[in-house]
Amino acid sequence: MKNPFRAILAFALRALARATIQKYQPGIIGITGSVGKTSTKEAIAAVLRTIRRVRATPGNYNTEVGLPLAILGDWRLARDKVSNGALFYLRVIVSSLWRLIFRAPYPELLVLEYAADKQGDISYLLSIARPHIAVITAIGDIPVHVENYPSIEGVAREKARLVEALPATGWAILNTDDGRVEAMKERTRAHITTFGFDKDAELNVANFE
């Protein structure tokens, strides 16, 4: 059975994160894949910070608790679990409510990781924040957490939910070197850009060292 405290906490953080996005209307860039999510997120954030106010998911805060924490503020979980108790989350909730009541500075762009440890994870995170741009890094031949899915195709279907959720004015940025990722272009109404070593990729990697 799921930890009752974690379930209540996830519900509260989800509601606060959704309300915060509705109030401040940031642009959202979502990243998923079996490898390279964190490094891709850091690279995107580093470029965008030169022109916009950006907040990126710290570390790999990409779960039902981590993703809303990234939306609500620059919150970082302590390494010792004791520091992540009720008082920590009370601070998060009170601070978030304050920002909802009184307008405060907020990032123009959020760069968020979306984890898919099991079926339904992406759908849950999308219920908190739907991206305007989605980047899919790779699925691979043996993706992580594949044991929680009926097949590799099940992993790909779950991650494809990120591009399925894009608006028609959004952008799907897909790795053309991974066949399962490239096939996601059929599952979105958004604009599409491909990248990779493949010569047909729109953003082609060349002279790699």
C-alpha atoms as a PDB file:
ATOM      1  CA  MET A   1       0.000   0.000   0.000  1.00  0.00           C
ATOM      2  CA  LYS A   2       1.219   3.465  -0.819  1.00  0.00           C
ATOM      3  CA  ASN A   3       2.502   5.539   2.090  1.00  0.00           C
ATOM      4  CA  PRO A   4      -0.508   7.687   3.217  1.00  0.00           C
ATOM      5  CA  PHE A   5       1.695  10.687   4.000  1.00  0.00           C
ATOM      6  CA  ARG A   6       3.309  10.530   0.556  1.00  0.00           C
ATOM      7  CA  ALA A   7      -0.105  10.226  -1.111  1.00  0.00           C
ATOM      8  CA  ILE A   8      -1.468  13.290   0.726  1.00  0.00           C
ATOM      9  CA  LEU A   9       1.756  15.193   0.059  1.00  0.00           C
ATOM     10  CA  ALA A  10       1.684  14.350  -3.651  1.00  0.00           C
ATOM     11  CA  PHE A  11      -1.949  15.537  -3.853  1.00  0.00           C
ATOM     12  CA  ALA A  12      -1.149  18.853  -2.150  1.00  0.00           C
ATOM     13  CA  LEU A  13       1.983  19.510  -4.223  1.00  0.00           C
ATOM     14  CA  ARG A  14       0.139  18.647  -7.440  1.00  0.00           C
ATOM     15  CA  ALA A  15      -2.650  21.126  -6.652  1.00  0.00           C
ATOM     16  CA  LEU A  16      -0.193  23.895  -5.733  1.00  0.00           C
ATOM     17  CA  ALA A  17       1.983  23.292  -8.797  1.00  0.00           C
ATOM     18  CA  ARG A  18      -1.016  23.376 -11.140  1.00  0.00           C
ATOM     19  CA  ALA A  19      -2.266  26.599  -9.563  1.00  0.00           C
ATOM     20  CA  THR A  20       1.195  28.158  -9.824  1.00  0.00           C
ATOM     21  CA  ILE A  21       1.469  27.332 -13.522  1.00  0.00           C
ATOM     22  CA  GLN A  22      -2.025  28.693 -14.133  1.00  0.00           C
ATOM     23  CA  LYS A  23      -1.147  31.956 -12.395  1.00  0.00           C
ATOM     24  CA  TYR A  24       2.332  32.595 -13.814  1.00  0.00           C
ATOM     25  CA  GLN A  25       1.930  30.935 -17.253  1.00  0.00           C
ATOM     26  CA  PRO A  26       5.577  29.916 -17.825  1.00  0.00           C
ATOM     27  CA  GLY A  27       6.719  28.268 -21.021  1.00  0.00           C
ATOM     28  CA  ILE A  28       7.426  24.595 -20.292  1.00  0.00           C
ATOM     29  CA  ILE A  29      10.047  22.371 -21.904  1.00  0.00           C
ATOM     30  CA  GLY A  30       9.619  18.703 -21.028  1.00  0.00           C
ATOM     31  CA  ILE A  31      12.334  16.091 -21.388  1.00  0.00           C
ATOM     32  CA  THR A  32      12.039  12.321 -21.190  1.00  0.00           C
ATOM     33  CA  GLY A  33      13.905   9.256 -22.363  1.00  0.00           C
ATOM     34  CA  SER A  34      15.726   6.266 -20.934  1.00  0.00           C
ATOM     35  CA  VAL A  35      19.133   7.964 -21.019  1.00  0.00           C
ATOM     36  CA  GLY A  36      20.507  11.483 -21.051  1.00  0.00           C
ATOM     37  CA  LYS A  37      17.555  13.357 -19.520  1.00  0.00           C
ATOM     38  CA  THR A  38      19.539  15.227 -16.894  1.00  0.00           C
ATOM     39  CA  SER A  39      22.458  16.231 -19.128  1.00  0.00           C
ATOM     40  CA  THR A  40      20.051  17.307 -21.880  1.00  0.00           C
ATOM     41  CA  LYS A  41      18.086  19.377 -19.358  1.00  0.00           C
ATOM     42  CA  GLU A  42      21.245  21.069 -18.102  1.00  0.00           C
ATOM     43  CA  ALA A  43      22.417  21.864 -21.642  1.00  0.00           C
ATOM     44  CA  ILE A  44      19.058  23.367 -22.634  1.00  0.00           C
ATOM     45  CA  ALA A  45      18.842  25.421 -19.437  1.00  0.00           C
ATOM     46  CA  ALA A  46      22.413  26.695 -19.848  1.00  0.00           C
ATOM     47  CA  VAL A  47      21.626  28.034 -23.322  1.00  0.00           C
ATOM     48  CA  LEU A  48      18.261  29.546 -22.422  1.00  0.00           C
ATOM     49  CA  ARG A  49      19.568  31.285 -19.304  1.00  0.00           C
ATOM     50  CA  THR A  50      21.483  33.661 -21.568  1.00  0.00           C
ATOM     51  CA  ILE A  51      18.218  35.132 -22.837  1.00  0.00           C
ATOM     52  CA  ARG A  52      15.432  34.269 -20.357  1.00  0.00           C
ATOM     53  CA  ARG A  53      14.679  33.699 -16.690  1.00  0.00           C
ATOM     54  CA  VAL A  54      14.865  29.927 -16.425  1.00  0.00           C
ATOM     55  CA  ARG A  55      14.381  27.308 -13.745  1.00  0.00           C
ATOM     56  CA  ALA A  56      15.447  23.732 -14.420  1.00  0.00           C
ATOM     57  CA  THR A  57      14.624  20.646 -12.421  1.00  0.00           C
ATOM     58  CA  PRO A  58      17.411  20.316  -9.839  1.00  0.00           C
ATOM     59  CA  GLY A  59      19.214  16.975 -10.137  1.00  0.00           C
ATOM     60  CA  ASN A  60      16.687  14.383 -11.239  1.00  0.00           C
ATOM     61  CA  TYR A  61      13.564  15.763  -9.552  1.00  0.00           C
ATOM     62  CA  ASN A  62      11.279  14.065 -12.050  1.00  0.00           C
ATOM     63  CA  THR A  63       8.735  12.180  -9.951  1.00  0.00           C
ATOM     64  CA  GLU A  64       5.297  12.886  -8.449  1.00  0.00           C
ATOM     65  CA  VAL A  65       6.987  14.823  -5.638  1.00  0.00           C
ATOM     66  CA  GLY A  66      10.152  16.074  -7.348  1.00  0.00           C
ATOM     67  CA  LEU A  67       8.519  17.666 -10.398  1.00  0.00           C
ATOM     68  CA  PRO A  68       6.066  19.835  -8.427  1.00  0.00           C
ATOM     69  CA  LEU A  69       8.879  20.875  -6.085  1.00  0.00           C
ATOM     70  CA  ALA A  70      10.765  22.163  -9.137  1.00  0.00           C
ATOM     71  CA  ILE A  71       7.697  24.096 -10.256  1.00  0.00           C
ATOM     72  CA  LEU A  72       7.030  25.591  -6.825  1.00  0.00           C
ATOM     73  CA  GLY A  73      10.516  26.927  -6.185  1.00  0.00           C
ATOM     74  CA  ASP A  74      14.207  26.256  -5.937  1.00  0.00           C
ATOM     75  CA  TRP A  75      13.617  23.535  -3.357  1.00  0.00           C
ATOM     76  CA  ARG A  76      16.280  20.893  -2.855  1.00  0.00           C
ATOM     77  CA  LEU A  77      15.813  17.744  -0.852  1.00  0.00           C
ATOM     78  CA  ALA A  78      18.470  17.141   1.776  1.00  0.00           C
ATOM     79  CA  ARG A  79      20.589  14.016   1.589  1.00  0.00           C
ATOM     80  CA  ASP A  80      19.577  12.967   5.075  1.00  0.00           C
ATOM     81  CA  LYS A  81      15.938  11.875   4.962  1.00  0.00           C
ATOM     82  CA  VAL A  82      15.151  13.431   8.369  1.00  0.00           C
ATOM     83  CA  SER A  83      15.499  16.936   6.915  1.00  0.00           C
ATOM     84  CA  ASN A  84      12.829  16.115   4.320  1.00  0.00           C
ATOM     85  CA  GLY A  85      10.102  15.682   6.912  1.00  0.00           C
ATOM     86  CA  ALA A  86       6.896  17.530   7.741  1.00  0.00           C
ATOM     87  CA  LEU A  87       8.563  20.865   8.554  1.00  0.00           C
ATOM     88  CA  PHE A  88      10.301  20.984   5.172  1.00  0.00           C
ATOM     89  CA  TYR A  89       7.077  20.355   3.277  1.00  0.00           C
ATOM     90  CA  LEU A  90       5.182  22.798   5.497  1.00  0.00           C
ATOM     91  CA  ARG A  91       7.666  25.481   4.384  1.00  0.00           C
ATOM     92  CA  VAL A  92       7.088  24.500   0.767  1.00  0.00           C
ATOM     93  CA  ILE A  93       3.300  24.665   1.113  1.00  0.00           C
ATOM     94  CA  VAL A  94       3.224  27.973   3.014  1.00  0.00           C
ATOM     95  CA  SER A  95       5.685  29.596   0.594  1.00  0.00           C
ATOM     96  CA  SER A  96       3.705  28.343  -2.398  1.00  0.00           C
ATOM     97  CA  LEU A  97       0.434  29.658  -1.004  1.00  0.00           C
ATOM     98  CA  TRP A  98       2.103  33.033  -0.416  1.00  0.00           C
ATOM     99  CA  ARG A  99       3.184  33.178  -4.069  1.00  0.00           C
ATOM    100  CA  LEU A 100      -0.341  32.343  -5.152  1.00  0.00           C
ATOM    101  CA  ILE A 101      -1.860  35.114  -3.037  1.00  0.00           C
ATOM    102  CA  PHE A 102       0.817  37.743  -3.682  1.00  0.00           C
ATOM    103  CA  ARG A 103       2.515  37.950  -7.046  1.00  0.00           C
ATOM    104  CA  ALA A 104       6.265  37.299  -6.897  1.00  0.00           C
ATOM    105  CA  PRO A 105       9.087  36.982  -9.451  1.00  0.00           C
ATOM    106  CA  TYR A 106       8.781  33.709 -11.348  1.00  0.00           C
ATOM    107  CA  PRO A 107      10.758  32.097 -14.210  1.00  0.00           C
ATOM    108  CA  GLU A 108       9.658  32.689 -17.779  1.00  0.00           C
ATOM    109  CA  LEU A 109      10.651  29.130 -18.687  1.00  0.00           C
ATOM    110  CA  LEU A 110      10.653  25.830 -16.837  1.00  0.00           C
ATOM    111  CA  VAL A 111      12.856  22.980 -18.058  1.00  0.00           C
ATOM    112  CA  LEU A 112      11.445  19.821 -16.498  1.00  0.00           C
ATOM    113  CA  GLU A 113      12.301  16.126 -16.520  1.00  0.00           C
ATOM    114  CA  TYR A 114       9.480  13.593 -16.783  1.00  0.00           C
ATOM    115  CA  ALA A 115      10.223  10.157 -15.319  1.00  0.00           C
ATOM    116  CA  ALA A 116       8.487   6.997 -16.522  1.00  0.00           C
ATOM    117  CA  ASP A 117       9.472   4.372 -13.981  1.00  0.00           C
ATOM    118  CA  LYS A 118       6.162   2.573 -14.507  1.00  0.00           C
ATOM    119  CA  GLN A 119       3.010   2.808 -16.606  1.00  0.00           C
ATOM    120  CA  GLY A 120       0.958   5.894 -15.844  1.00  0.00           C
ATOM    121  CA  ASP A 121       3.840   8.012 -14.554  1.00  0.00           C
ATOM    122  CA  ILE A 122       3.987  10.351 -17.573  1.00  0.00           C
ATOM    123  CA  SER A 123       0.213  10.789 -17.583  1.00  0.00           C
ATOM    124  CA  TYR A 124       0.286  11.764 -13.904  1.00  0.00           C
ATOM    125  CA  LEU A 125       3.083  14.299 -14.425  1.00  0.00           C
ATOM    126  CA  LEU A 126       1.251  15.717 -17.450  1.00  0.00           C
ATOM    127  CA  SER A 127      -1.748  16.323 -15.203  1.00  0.00           C
ATOM    128  CA  ILE A 128       0.539  18.746 -13.332  1.00  0.00           C
ATOM    129  CA  ALA A 129       2.361  20.431 -16.219  1.00  0.00           C
ATOM    130  CA  ARG A 130       1.877  20.056 -19.968  1.00  0.00           C
ATOM    131  CA  PRO A 131       4.916  21.138 -21.981  1.00  0.00           C
ATOM    132  CA  HIS A 132       4.972  23.398 -25.013  1.00  0.00           C
ATOM    133  CA  ILE A 133       8.175  21.747 -26.223  1.00  0.00           C
ATOM    134  CA  ALA A 134       9.043  18.061 -25.699  1.00  0.00           C
ATOM    135  CA  VAL A 135      12.482  16.511 -26.121  1.00  0.00           C
ATOM    136  CA  ILE A 136      12.814  12.713 -26.319  1.00  0.00           C
ATOM    137  CA  THR A 137      16.406  11.559 -25.883  1.00  0.00           C
ATOM    138  CA  ALA A 138      16.351   7.793 -26.508  1.00  0.00           C
ATOM    139  CA  ILE A 139      14.564   4.569 -25.598  1.00  0.00           C
ATOM    140  CA  GLY A 140      17.394   2.112 -26.302  1.00  0.00           C
ATOM    141  CA  ASP A 141      17.390  -1.660 -26.638  1.00  0.00           C
ATOM    142  CA  ILE A 142      17.208  -2.300 -22.881  1.00  0.00           C
ATOM    143  CA  PRO A 143      15.651   0.814 -21.308  1.00  0.00           C
ATOM    144  CA  VAL A 144      15.785   1.369 -17.558  1.00  0.00           C
ATOM    145  CA  HIS A 145      12.720   0.162 -15.621  1.00  0.00           C
ATOM    146  CA  VAL A 146      11.730  -2.083 -18.542  1.00  0.00           C
ATOM    147  CA  GLU A 147      10.896  -4.724 -15.916  1.00  0.00           C
ATOM    148  CA  ASN A 148       7.887  -2.579 -14.931  1.00  0.00           C
ATOM    149  CA  TYR A 149       6.441  -2.766 -18.460  1.00  0.00           C
ATOM    150  CA  PRO A 150       5.072  -5.607 -20.592  1.00  0.00           C
ATOM    151  CA  SER A 151       7.638  -4.840 -23.319  1.00  0.00           C
ATOM    152  CA  ILE A 152      10.103  -2.258 -24.657  1.00  0.00           C
ATOM    153  CA  GLU A 153       7.263  -0.974 -26.823  1.00  0.00           C
ATOM    154  CA  GLY A 154       5.341  -0.328 -23.608  1.00  0.00           C
ATOM    155  CA  VAL A 155       8.161   1.907 -22.417  1.00  0.00           C
ATOM    156  CA  ALA A 156       8.100   3.783 -25.731  1.00  0.00           C
ATOM    157  CA  ARG A 157       4.323   4.221 -25.574  1.00  0.00           C
ATOM    158  CA  GLU A 158       4.543   5.678 -22.079  1.00  0.00           C
ATOM    159  CA  LYS A 159       7.252   8.176 -23.040  1.00  0.00           C
ATOM    160  CA  ALA A 160       5.366   9.069 -26.234  1.00  0.00           C
ATOM    161  CA  ARG A 161       2.593  10.503 -24.079  1.00  0.00           C
ATOM    162  CA  LEU A 162       4.781  13.577 -23.688  1.00  0.00           C
ATOM    163  CA  VAL A 163       4.606  14.387 -27.411  1.00  0.00           C
ATOM    164  CA  GLU A 164       0.951  13.380 -27.604  1.00  0.00           C
ATOM    165  CA  ALA A 165       0.163  16.075 -25.032  1.00  0.00           C
ATOM    166  CA  LEU A 166       1.759  18.874 -27.057  1.00  0.00           C
ATOM    167  CA  PRO A 167      -0.462  21.598 -28.526  1.00  0.00           C
ATOM    168  CA  ALA A 168      -0.543  22.060 -32.294  1.00  0.00           C
ATOM    169  CA  THR A 169       1.654  25.128 -31.861  1.00  0.00           C
ATOM    170  CA  GLY A 170       4.224  23.168 -29.846  1.00  0.00           C
ATOM    171  CA  TRP A 171       7.419  21.408 -30.888  1.00  0.00           C
ATOM    172  CA  ALA A 172       8.494  17.772 -30.605  1.00  0.00           C
ATOM    173  CA  ILE A 173      12.275  17.360 -30.737  1.00  0.00           C
ATOM    174  CA  LEU A 174      13.054  13.728 -31.535  1.00  0.00           C
ATOM    175  CA  ASN A 175      16.199  11.602 -31.742  1.00  0.00           C
ATOM    176  CA  THR A 176      16.221  10.178 -35.251  1.00  0.00           C
ATOM    177  CA  ASP A 177      18.962   7.657 -34.346  1.00  0.00           C
ATOM    178  CA  ASP A 178      16.447   5.765 -32.204  1.00  0.00           C
ATOM    179  CA  GLY A 179      13.733   4.187 -34.329  1.00  0.00           C
ATOM    180  CA  ARG A 180      11.193   4.076 -31.505  1.00  0.00           C
ATOM    181  CA  VAL A 181      11.697   7.780 -30.836  1.00  0.00           C
ATOM    182  CA  GLU A 182      11.579   8.775 -34.501  1.00  0.00           C
ATOM    183  CA  ALA A 183       8.279   6.868 -34.852  1.00  0.00           C
ATOM    184  CA  MET A 184       6.736   9.245 -32.299  1.00  0.00           C
ATOM    185  CA  LYS A 185       6.387  11.854 -35.044  1.00  0.00           C
ATOM    186  CA  GLU A 186       3.199   9.983 -36.010  1.00  0.00           C
ATOM    187  CA  ARG A 187       1.758  10.511 -32.545  1.00  0.00           C
ATOM    188  CA  THR A 188       1.761  14.288 -32.293  1.00  0.00           C
ATOM    189  CA  ARG A 189       0.088  17.213 -34.009  1.00  0.00           C
ATOM    190  CA  ALA A 190       2.920  19.531 -33.014  1.00  0.00           C
ATOM    191  CA  HIS A 191       5.757  20.764 -35.213  1.00  0.00           C
ATOM    192  CA  ILE A 192       8.657  18.301 -35.395  1.00  0.00           C
ATOM    193  CA  THR A 193      12.427  18.727 -35.395  1.00  0.00           C
ATOM    194  CA  THR A 194      14.801  15.747 -35.445  1.00  0.00           C
ATOM    195  CA  PHE A 195      18.389  15.509 -34.262  1.00  0.00           C
ATOM    196  CA  GLY A 196      21.093  12.876 -34.357  1.00  0.00           C
ATOM    197  CA  PHE A 197      23.971  11.365 -36.310  1.00  0.00           C
ATOM    198  CA  ASP A 198      21.649  10.155 -39.066  1.00  0.00           C
ATOM    199  CA  LYS A 199      22.221  12.176 -42.237  1.00  0.00           C
ATOM    200  CA  ASP A 200      18.477  12.798 -42.535  1.00  0.00           C
ATOM    201  CA  ALA A 201      18.270  14.502 -39.127  1.00  0.00           C
ATOM    202  CA  GLU A 202      17.391  18.184 -39.352  1.00  0.00           C
ATOM    203  CA  LEU A 203      19.949  18.946 -36.643  1.00  0.00           C
ATOM    204  CA  ASN A 204      22.781  16.706 -37.775  1.00  0.00           C
ATOM    205  CA  VAL A 205      25.695  15.816 -35.488  1.00  0.00           C
ATOM    206  CA  ALA A 206      28.978  15.946 -37.400  1.00  0.00           C
ATOM    207  CA  ASN A 207      32.684  15.873 -36.493  1.00  0.00           C
ATOM    208  CA  PHE A 208      31.869  14.510 -33.061  1.00  0.00           C
ATOM    209  CA  GLU A 209      34.813  14.189 -30.661  1.00  0.00           C
END
